[in-house]
Every structure is written in C-alpha cells, then in structure tokens.
Amino acid sequence: MKILMVSMPSLHFFRWTEQLKDAGHEIYWFNITDSGKFEGRLDWVQQKFAWRLKWDFPGRVYIKKEFPKLSRYIQTVNTNSTPKAFENYLHEIKPDVVHSFALYVSCTSVLSVMENHPRIPWIYSSWGSDLYYFQNFKAYLKDIQAVLPRVDYLFTDCQRDYTIARTYGFKGEFLGVLPGGGGFKFDSTKPLKPPGERKIILIKGFQGRSGRAIPVLKAIQRLQQEILNYHVVVFGADREVVEFVKNEKIKTWFNIEVIGRIKYDEVIEFMQKALIYIGNSNSDGLPNTMLEAICFGAFPIQSNPGGASAEIINHGENGLLIKDCKNIDEIKNHLTTALNDKDLTNKAFKKNLKIRLDLEYEIIKAQVLKAYQNINSQ
C-alpha cells in the first residue's frame, strides 16, 4: 500500500512512522513545514521537501536580511501555495491512502485537495490538544467542523478525543486509542529500580500556552524541608520557567536542577531514576511523558484535562490526578502524599509494571500495522 504521510517533523511523527519500516508499504512524507530533508531519520521514507519556493535564487537570504520589504514582495510571487504543492505531489505518487497528523497543521491546509479527491481514503491522527483545546476558538472550531466530515479513519491518543470528534462531524471508522508516538521500548528482563532506591522528583518544565509548570514550582517552594534529601529535576524548561526560577529563592537551592530541551533517551534515563514525575497542563491528550513515567517506574502526578489522564490513572492507586492545574495547595498535597505514603508508591509501582505491558513497542506496533492492513483490505 502507498501511504502518504502529511506532518510537521516531530518526535511523535518519527516514532510513529518508524513502526512501518519493513512492513511492506511504500511510505511517502509531505513535510508540511518544508523544513528541509531530515538526514539520518526516516531515510527509508521518500521525503517531499523544498516545495515551497518556485525558485531558490542566489542572494535570497541576503535580501531577506537586508531588504525585508522587498523580500516579502518577492515571496508573494515566488511561493507555491500548500494546497497546490500537495495536489501536485498527490498526482505524482497516486497514494492508496493519505495520513495527516495534527488537524490544525496537516489537515486544514490540505482539506480543499482531499475534498477534490473523495475516493482517496484519509486518516487523521489527533494529538494532544488538537480537539480538546482548539474547539474553544471559533476559527479553529470552524476548521474542525470542516475537516472531520471528510476524514475516513481516525486514531486518537485518548477516548475523550474520539467522543469530541463524533460531536463535530466524524462519521468514519475509529482505528483505536494508541500512543501518538507509538509504544515504548524496554527490556522486560531488566528489573526497574524500586521506589525505595529512587531519589529524583522529575518535573516537566513547560509553561507557555498549555503547560503549567510554575504552579508546580510554587508548590515545591512550600516543601523545601521535606525534599532536602531529593534531587529536583525540571526538564524541558521554557523561558518563563527559567525566568521564574531565576527570580525566586529556589535558584539558590543546592538540590534543584533546571534544564532545557533534552533528548528522548535522556528523558527515559531520568524516568528510570525518578521516584515521582509531575506533569501539569491545562490541555493535553494522554501525555506521552506520563506514559513514560508509568513504563519506567516513576510515580505519576498528572493533570487531568477533560478526563484524559483518568483513562489510565486511577487516582490514589497507580498515581494521583490534579483536578485544578492552577491550585498550588492541591499539587503540594499530592506531592506530600507521594513522598510520605510508601505503601501507595510501592503498590502503584507494581500496578504500573502490569500496565506497561500493554504499552510495549511491539504490542502497539502490531495494533498499528493491523489497522493499516484493515484499511488496505477494504
């Protein structure tokens, strides 16, 4: 089967697509952001890039820097529209199916083309805030309601988003709830460190649009004495979080480390050493970092926008759910519970060891390949 992927370059997309290697399909990728060829990643996939400019003329970068007004004018006549470039590629490769990842990035921009080709099946993978967050904005909701009736097949990372999709016009076939970046690789023969041997409190450091790391840090501030014997690691810290730490007393704490974006393998390393993982946001699907915490033994304390996290965390059993992502006292109380209730963290560790079996890479991969095969046979 010829599968045409439409996506921005992202870790989720790379990990999902890698599941299809050597599965007997021809895979093409229309890089919706036209950000150049990705060497060393998906080399076996035929990538469509450098499609935006009609002519990449000498001196273009210099003109853009020194004569911005002239550059903007040139762009108006030297730029291919996304729908036109995509349609040309569609005609060139004649795919059996198109698969778009993230509605507002990779669906709306090609919707007019897909409407002109109603016989080509269209798969849409919903990520994170795709539907839950953006349904609250008129312009985005209009896009959601325009795209979903044309979509033939749907993957989501939580059951919540399937319900939302049905509300806004999806009438196709639901292919299931699967992690947006595929399953997780771990050595089932190598035991994880038990909670008693872990001394890291790991915090996802996103603030920005949906992340709410700062309320977590404010909760941490109230527990300085209680966490003296732990190493607090804030990873993926964005500018707002870095500035907050810089302007607060916690910058002087010997046991806090604030780091920016790190590689996936480094995140997993921290998860394997963390007693507690805290992820807090006002919008998400089923967070991949929460799933990583479950798979690698960290006790998850996670926000629960729209009830998505509750699909895998039973509050007070295999983790704790944050009801209000802005409530510092609630987060503080959850962290205190996790630090003091050894029985809870030990039982959660054992429960999550069982849950992670369903999230293992080959298990998820088999479900993904079966879904594509079912499409191919129809």
Protein backbone atom coordinates (compact mmCIF):
# COMPACT_ATOMS: atom_id res chain seq x y z
CA MET A 1 0.00 0.00 0.00
CA LYS A 2 1.22 3.51 -0.82
CA ILE A 3 0.81 5.69 2.26
CA LEU A 4 1.29 9.45 2.00
CA MET A 5 2.09 10.97 5.41
CA VAL A 6 1.35 14.66 5.92
CA SER A 7 3.04 16.06 9.01
CA MET A 8 5.41 18.54 10.53
CA PRO A 9 8.72 16.99 11.62
CA SER A 10 8.31 15.93 15.24
CA LEU A 11 9.43 13.15 17.55
CA HIS A 12 5.88 11.75 17.67
CA PHE A 13 5.71 11.58 13.90
CA PHE A 14 9.14 10.00 13.55
CA ARG A 15 8.43 7.35 16.18
CA TRP A 16 5.00 6.54 14.74
CA THR A 17 6.32 6.19 11.18
CA GLU A 18 9.27 4.04 12.25
CA GLN A 19 6.70 1.37 13.16
CA LEU A 20 6.01 0.93 9.43
CA LYS A 21 9.58 0.12 8.43
CA ASP A 22 9.85 -3.24 6.63
CA ALA A 23 6.08 -3.71 6.87
CA GLY A 24 5.65 -3.98 3.09
CA HIS A 25 4.25 -0.48 2.49
CA GLU A 26 5.62 2.35 0.36
CA ILE A 27 5.85 5.37 2.63
CA TYR A 28 5.97 8.97 1.41
CA TRP A 29 6.17 12.08 3.55
CA PHE A 30 4.93 15.52 2.52
CA ASN A 31 6.76 17.74 5.01
CA ILE A 32 4.04 20.31 5.64
CA THR A 33 6.54 22.84 7.04
CA ASP A 34 9.01 22.35 4.16
CA SER A 35 11.87 22.41 6.65
CA GLY A 36 14.39 20.53 4.55
CA LYS A 37 15.39 16.89 4.29
CA PHE A 38 15.92 15.01 7.53
CA GLU A 39 19.11 13.04 7.22
CA GLY A 40 19.56 10.01 9.43
CA ARG A 41 15.87 9.92 10.31
CA LEU A 42 13.36 8.05 8.17
CA ASP A 43 15.96 7.61 5.44
CA TRP A 44 13.85 4.77 4.02
CA VAL A 45 10.87 7.15 3.58
CA GLN A 46 10.58 9.19 0.39
CA GLN A 47 10.50 12.78 1.66
CA LYS A 48 8.94 15.69 -0.18
CA PHE A 49 10.70 18.91 0.78
CA ALA A 50 11.91 22.14 -0.87
CA TRP A 51 8.47 22.53 -2.42
CA ARG A 52 7.56 25.98 -1.14
CA LEU A 53 9.82 28.20 -3.29
CA LYS A 54 9.33 28.33 -7.06
CA TRP A 55 12.95 29.46 -7.41
CA ASP A 56 15.61 29.45 -4.72
CA PHE A 57 17.57 32.27 -6.33
CA PRO A 58 21.12 33.36 -5.37
CA GLY A 59 21.18 36.08 -2.71
CA ARG A 60 17.74 35.23 -1.34
CA VAL A 61 18.93 35.03 2.28
CA TYR A 62 20.85 38.32 1.94
CA ILE A 63 17.80 40.13 0.53
CA LYS A 64 15.62 38.71 3.31
CA LYS A 65 18.03 40.09 5.91
CA GLU A 66 18.88 43.46 4.37
CA PHE A 67 15.71 44.31 2.42
CA PRO A 68 12.77 42.73 4.29
CA LYS A 69 10.07 44.66 2.40
CA LEU A 70 11.48 43.62 -0.95
CA SER A 71 11.80 40.05 0.35
CA ARG A 72 8.13 39.97 1.37
CA TYR A 73 7.09 41.19 -2.07
CA ILE A 74 9.22 38.56 -3.79
CA GLN A 75 7.68 35.89 -1.58
CA THR A 76 4.20 36.75 -2.82
CA VAL A 77 5.16 35.78 -6.38
CA ASN A 78 7.84 33.17 -5.64
CA THR A 79 5.95 30.94 -3.20
CA ASN A 80 3.88 27.87 -4.07
CA SER A 81 0.67 27.51 -2.10
CA THR A 82 0.49 24.47 0.17
CA PRO A 83 -2.66 23.04 -1.49
CA LYS A 84 -1.15 23.39 -4.97
CA ALA A 85 2.15 21.77 -4.00
CA PHE A 86 0.34 18.98 -2.16
CA GLU A 87 -2.01 18.29 -5.06
CA ASN A 88 0.91 18.09 -7.48
CA TYR A 89 2.57 15.54 -5.19
CA LEU A 90 -0.69 13.62 -4.85
CA HIS A 91 -0.93 13.30 -8.64
CA GLU A 92 2.74 12.31 -8.83
CA ILE A 93 2.67 9.38 -6.40
CA LYS A 94 -1.03 8.37 -6.54
CA PRO A 95 -1.26 7.11 -2.93
CA ASP A 96 -3.71 4.48 -1.72
CA VAL A 97 -4.27 6.46 1.48
CA VAL A 98 -3.32 9.84 2.98
CA HIS A 99 -2.49 10.08 6.70
CA SER A 100 -2.43 13.54 8.35
CA PHE A 101 -1.01 14.17 11.81
CA ALA A 102 -2.45 17.10 13.83
CA LEU A 103 -5.57 18.77 12.44
CA TYR A 104 -4.63 22.43 12.50
CA VAL A 105 -1.20 21.78 10.97
CA SER A 106 -1.69 18.96 8.49
CA CYS A 107 -5.41 18.69 7.79
CA THR A 108 -6.82 22.17 7.23
CA SER A 109 -4.05 23.10 4.81
CA VAL A 110 -4.82 20.16 2.51
CA LEU A 111 -8.58 19.89 3.06
CA SER A 112 -9.50 21.50 -0.27
CA VAL A 113 -7.36 18.94 -2.09
CA MET A 114 -8.80 15.99 -0.20
CA GLU A 115 -12.32 17.24 -0.95
CA ASN A 116 -11.39 17.22 -4.65
CA HIS A 117 -10.31 13.57 -4.28
CA PRO A 118 -13.11 11.95 -2.26
CA ARG A 119 -12.12 8.43 -3.32
CA ILE A 120 -8.73 8.63 -1.61
CA PRO A 121 -9.13 7.41 1.99
CA TRP A 122 -7.98 9.94 4.58
CA ILE A 123 -6.63 9.04 8.03
CA TYR A 124 -6.30 11.66 10.75
CA SER A 125 -4.23 11.21 13.92
CA SER A 126 -5.36 13.50 16.72
CA TRP A 127 -2.57 14.69 19.01
CA GLY A 128 -2.70 16.21 22.47
CA SER A 129 -4.65 19.45 22.37
CA ASP A 130 -5.80 19.08 18.76
CA LEU A 131 -9.51 18.86 19.51
CA TYR A 132 -9.90 19.45 23.24
CA TYR A 133 -8.15 22.83 23.36
CA PHE A 134 -8.83 24.23 19.91
CA GLN A 135 -12.56 23.54 19.98
CA ASN A 136 -12.81 26.61 22.22
CA PHE A 137 -11.78 29.03 19.45
CA LYS A 138 -14.23 29.93 16.69
CA ALA A 139 -11.75 29.92 13.82
CA TYR A 140 -10.26 26.57 14.85
CA LEU A 141 -13.68 25.06 15.58
CA LYS A 142 -14.74 26.01 12.07
CA ASP A 143 -11.72 24.10 10.75
CA ILE A 144 -12.50 21.10 12.98
CA GLN A 145 -16.09 21.00 11.74
CA ALA A 146 -14.92 21.28 8.13
CA VAL A 147 -12.24 18.58 8.32
CA LEU A 148 -13.87 15.83 10.37
CA PRO A 149 -16.79 15.00 7.99
CA ARG A 150 -14.22 14.35 5.21
CA VAL A 151 -11.99 12.13 7.37
CA ASP A 152 -12.49 8.40 6.76
CA TYR A 153 -10.35 6.96 9.58
CA LEU A 154 -9.29 8.24 12.99
CA PHE A 155 -6.55 7.46 15.51
CA THR A 156 -6.63 9.26 18.87
CA ASP A 157 -4.38 9.11 21.91
CA CYS A 158 -7.35 9.10 24.30
CA GLN A 159 -11.01 8.03 24.28
CA ARG A 160 -12.04 11.60 25.13
CA ASP A 161 -10.99 12.86 21.71
CA TYR A 162 -12.94 10.18 19.85
CA THR A 163 -16.05 11.47 21.63
CA ILE A 164 -15.20 15.05 20.68
CA ALA A 165 -14.57 14.04 17.06
CA ARG A 166 -18.00 12.40 16.85
CA THR A 167 -19.55 15.58 18.23
CA TYR A 168 -18.03 17.66 15.43
CA GLY A 169 -18.90 15.53 12.45
CA PHE A 170 -16.63 12.48 12.27
CA LYS A 171 -18.64 9.57 10.88
CA GLY A 172 -15.82 7.32 9.65
CA GLU A 173 -14.12 4.30 11.19
CA PHE A 174 -12.35 4.65 14.52
CA LEU A 175 -8.98 2.85 14.44
CA GLY A 176 -8.40 3.00 18.17
CA VAL A 177 -6.71 4.74 21.09
CA LEU A 178 -2.95 4.44 20.68
CA PRO A 179 0.01 6.50 21.96
CA GLY A 180 0.74 9.30 19.47
CA GLY A 181 4.37 8.28 19.19
CA GLY A 182 3.84 4.53 19.23
CA GLY A 183 4.81 2.14 22.00
CA PHE A 184 7.77 2.14 24.37
CA LYS A 185 10.92 0.04 24.21
CA PHE A 186 12.14 -1.52 27.41
CA ASP A 187 13.98 -4.64 28.47
CA SER A 188 11.41 -6.72 30.33
CA THR A 189 14.21 -8.92 31.69
CA LYS A 190 15.96 -5.99 33.36
CA PRO A 191 14.21 -5.04 36.62
CA LEU A 192 13.48 -1.41 37.33
CA LYS A 193 14.75 0.26 40.49
CA PRO A 194 12.04 0.02 43.19
CA PRO A 195 10.66 3.25 44.71
CA GLY A 196 12.89 2.94 47.78
CA GLU A 197 16.01 3.30 45.63
CA ARG A 198 14.85 6.41 43.77
CA LYS A 199 15.72 9.98 44.81
CA ILE A 200 14.63 12.22 41.92
CA ILE A 201 11.50 14.37 41.72
CA LEU A 202 11.08 14.95 37.99
CA ILE A 203 9.02 17.89 36.70
CA LYS A 204 8.07 18.69 33.12
CA GLY A 205 9.07 22.33 32.69
CA PHE A 206 6.54 23.60 30.15
CA GLN A 207 4.59 26.79 30.81
CA GLY A 208 3.63 28.65 27.62
CA ARG A 209 0.21 28.04 26.09
CA SER A 210 -0.89 24.93 27.94
CA GLY A 211 1.94 23.88 30.26
CA ARG A 212 1.57 24.81 33.93
CA ALA A 213 4.97 24.09 35.46
CA ILE A 214 5.07 27.28 37.54
CA PRO A 215 2.26 26.21 39.93
CA VAL A 216 4.25 23.01 40.49
CA LEU A 217 7.37 25.03 41.31
CA LYS A 218 5.37 27.19 43.70
CA ALA A 219 4.21 24.01 45.43
CA ILE A 220 7.82 22.83 45.60
CA GLN A 221 8.78 26.13 47.27
CA ARG A 222 6.47 25.27 50.17
CA LEU A 223 8.17 21.90 50.68
CA GLN A 224 11.83 22.87 50.89
CA GLN A 225 12.49 20.98 54.12
CA GLU A 226 10.53 17.91 53.07
CA ILE A 227 12.53 17.47 49.85
CA LEU A 228 16.04 18.19 51.15
CA ASN A 229 17.08 14.60 50.52
CA TYR A 230 15.76 14.55 46.95
CA HIS A 231 17.15 15.86 43.68
CA VAL A 232 14.56 18.01 41.89
CA VAL A 233 14.99 18.00 38.10
CA VAL A 234 12.96 20.35 35.90
CA PHE A 235 13.42 19.30 32.28
CA GLY A 236 12.25 20.89 29.04
CA ALA A 237 12.17 24.22 30.87
CA ASP A 238 10.98 27.06 28.65
CA ARG A 239 11.82 30.74 29.02
CA GLU A 240 9.02 31.52 31.51
CA VAL A 241 10.08 28.71 33.81
CA VAL A 242 13.76 29.65 33.62
CA GLU A 243 12.89 33.26 34.46
CA PHE A 244 10.68 32.19 37.36
CA VAL A 245 13.44 30.10 38.90
CA LYS A 246 15.99 32.89 38.35
CA ASN A 247 13.81 35.39 40.21
CA GLU A 248 12.88 33.13 43.12
CA LYS A 249 14.76 31.83 46.14
CA ILE A 250 14.73 28.29 44.76
CA LYS A 251 17.56 29.27 42.39
CA THR A 252 19.86 29.02 45.44
CA TRP A 253 18.73 25.52 46.41
CA PHE A 254 21.55 23.01 46.13
CA ASN A 255 19.19 20.20 45.11
CA ILE A 256 17.34 21.72 42.13
CA GLU A 257 18.44 21.41 38.51
CA VAL A 258 16.70 23.24 35.66
CA ILE A 259 17.49 22.09 32.14
CA GLY A 260 16.06 22.90 28.72
CA ARG A 261 15.02 20.50 25.99
CA ILE A 262 16.77 17.16 26.19
CA LYS A 263 16.89 14.08 24.01
CA TYR A 264 14.28 11.37 24.35
CA ASP A 265 16.85 8.89 25.70
CA GLU A 266 17.80 11.36 28.43
CA VAL A 267 14.16 11.71 29.48
CA ILE A 268 13.94 7.93 29.79
CA GLU A 269 17.12 7.88 31.88
CA PHE A 270 15.57 10.34 34.33
CA MET A 271 12.31 8.36 34.42
CA GLN A 272 14.23 5.23 35.41
CA LYS A 273 15.73 7.08 38.38
CA ALA A 274 12.74 9.21 39.43
CA LEU A 275 10.58 8.42 42.43
CA ILE A 276 7.94 10.95 41.31
CA TYR A 277 7.08 12.50 37.96
CA ILE A 278 4.86 15.61 37.83
CA GLY A 279 3.20 16.77 34.61
CA ASN A 280 0.81 19.71 34.77
CA SER A 281 -1.11 21.44 31.97
CA ASN A 282 -4.48 22.93 31.14
CA SER A 283 -4.81 20.85 27.98
CA ASP A 284 -3.41 17.62 26.62
CA GLY A 285 -4.40 14.21 25.38
CA LEU A 286 -2.89 11.21 27.12
CA PRO A 287 0.56 12.69 27.80
CA ASN A 288 3.47 10.66 26.46
CA THR A 289 5.68 11.69 29.37
CA MET A 290 3.06 10.35 31.79
CA LEU A 291 3.06 7.06 29.87
CA GLU A 292 6.86 7.04 30.05
CA ALA A 293 6.64 7.52 33.83
CA ILE A 294 4.30 4.54 34.06
CA CYS A 295 6.58 2.41 31.85
CA PHE A 296 9.80 3.26 33.68
CA GLY A 297 8.71 3.21 37.31
CA ALA A 298 8.16 6.85 38.30
CA PHE A 299 5.04 7.57 40.35
CA PRO A 300 2.89 9.90 38.19
CA ILE A 301 1.21 13.04 39.47
CA GLN A 302 -0.63 14.36 36.44
CA SER A 303 -3.22 16.98 35.49
CA ASN A 304 -6.42 15.57 34.02
CA PRO A 305 -7.87 17.95 31.40
CA GLY A 306 -11.17 16.64 30.09
CA GLY A 307 -10.67 13.37 31.95
CA ALA A 308 -8.00 12.05 29.55
CA SER A 309 -5.38 11.11 32.18
CA ALA A 310 -8.04 9.27 34.19
CA GLU A 311 -8.27 6.80 31.33
CA ILE A 312 -5.06 5.21 32.58
CA ILE A 313 -4.52 6.59 36.11
CA ASN A 314 -6.85 5.53 38.90
CA HIS A 315 -6.45 8.31 41.45
CA GLY A 316 -4.90 7.01 44.65
CA GLU A 317 -3.99 3.65 43.12
CA ASN A 318 -1.37 3.93 40.39
CA GLY A 319 -0.88 7.69 40.53
CA LEU A 320 -2.52 10.95 41.58
CA LEU A 321 -4.63 13.26 39.39
CA ILE A 322 -4.51 17.04 39.65
CA LYS A 323 -8.04 18.43 39.40
CA ASP A 324 -7.07 22.10 39.10
CA CYS A 325 -3.78 22.76 37.30
CA LYS A 326 -3.55 26.21 38.97
CA ASN A 327 -4.17 25.00 42.52
CA ILE A 328 -0.81 25.16 44.31
CA ASP A 329 -2.17 23.66 47.55
CA GLU A 330 -3.60 20.66 45.71
CA ILE A 331 -0.29 19.97 43.95
CA LYS A 332 1.59 20.41 47.25
CA ASN A 333 -0.74 17.94 48.98
CA HIS A 334 -0.34 15.37 46.21
CA LEU A 335 3.44 15.66 46.36
CA THR A 336 3.40 15.34 50.16
CA THR A 337 1.26 12.20 49.86
CA ALA A 338 3.60 10.66 47.31
CA LEU A 339 6.66 11.42 49.47
CA ASN A 340 5.18 10.05 52.69
CA ASP A 341 2.92 7.17 51.64
CA LYS A 342 5.40 4.39 50.87
CA ASP A 343 2.61 1.85 50.64
CA LEU A 344 0.94 3.88 47.87
CA THR A 345 4.09 4.32 45.79
CA ASN A 346 5.05 0.65 46.16
CA LYS A 347 1.60 -0.58 45.12
CA ALA A 348 1.46 1.91 42.25
CA PHE A 349 4.88 0.70 41.06
CA LYS A 350 3.59 -2.88 40.88
CA LYS A 351 0.31 -1.88 39.16
CA ASN A 352 2.16 0.18 36.55
CA LEU A 353 4.51 -2.72 35.81
CA LYS A 354 1.42 -4.59 34.59
CA ILE A 355 0.01 -1.60 32.67
CA ARG A 356 3.28 -1.05 30.82
CA LEU A 357 3.00 -4.49 29.21
CA ASP A 358 0.16 -3.12 27.05
CA LEU A 359 2.31 -0.12 26.07
CA GLU A 360 5.33 -2.12 24.90
CA TYR A 361 6.64 -1.17 21.45
CA GLU A 362 5.93 -4.43 19.63
CA ILE A 363 2.43 -4.68 21.14
CA ILE A 364 1.46 -1.20 19.93
CA LYS A 365 3.22 -1.71 16.60
CA ALA A 366 1.18 -4.86 15.92
CA GLN A 367 -2.05 -2.90 16.54
CA VAL A 368 -0.90 -0.09 14.24
CA LEU A 369 0.05 -2.43 11.42
CA LYS A 370 -3.24 -4.29 11.76
CA ALA A 371 -5.15 -1.01 11.46
CA TYR A 372 -3.36 -0.11 8.22
CA GLN A 373 -3.89 -3.64 6.91
CA ASN A 374 -7.63 -3.40 7.58
CA ILE A 375 -7.75 -0.17 5.55
CA ASN A 376 -5.84 -1.82 2.72
CA SER A 377 -8.27 -4.74 2.57
CA GLN A 378 -11.41 -2.60 2.26
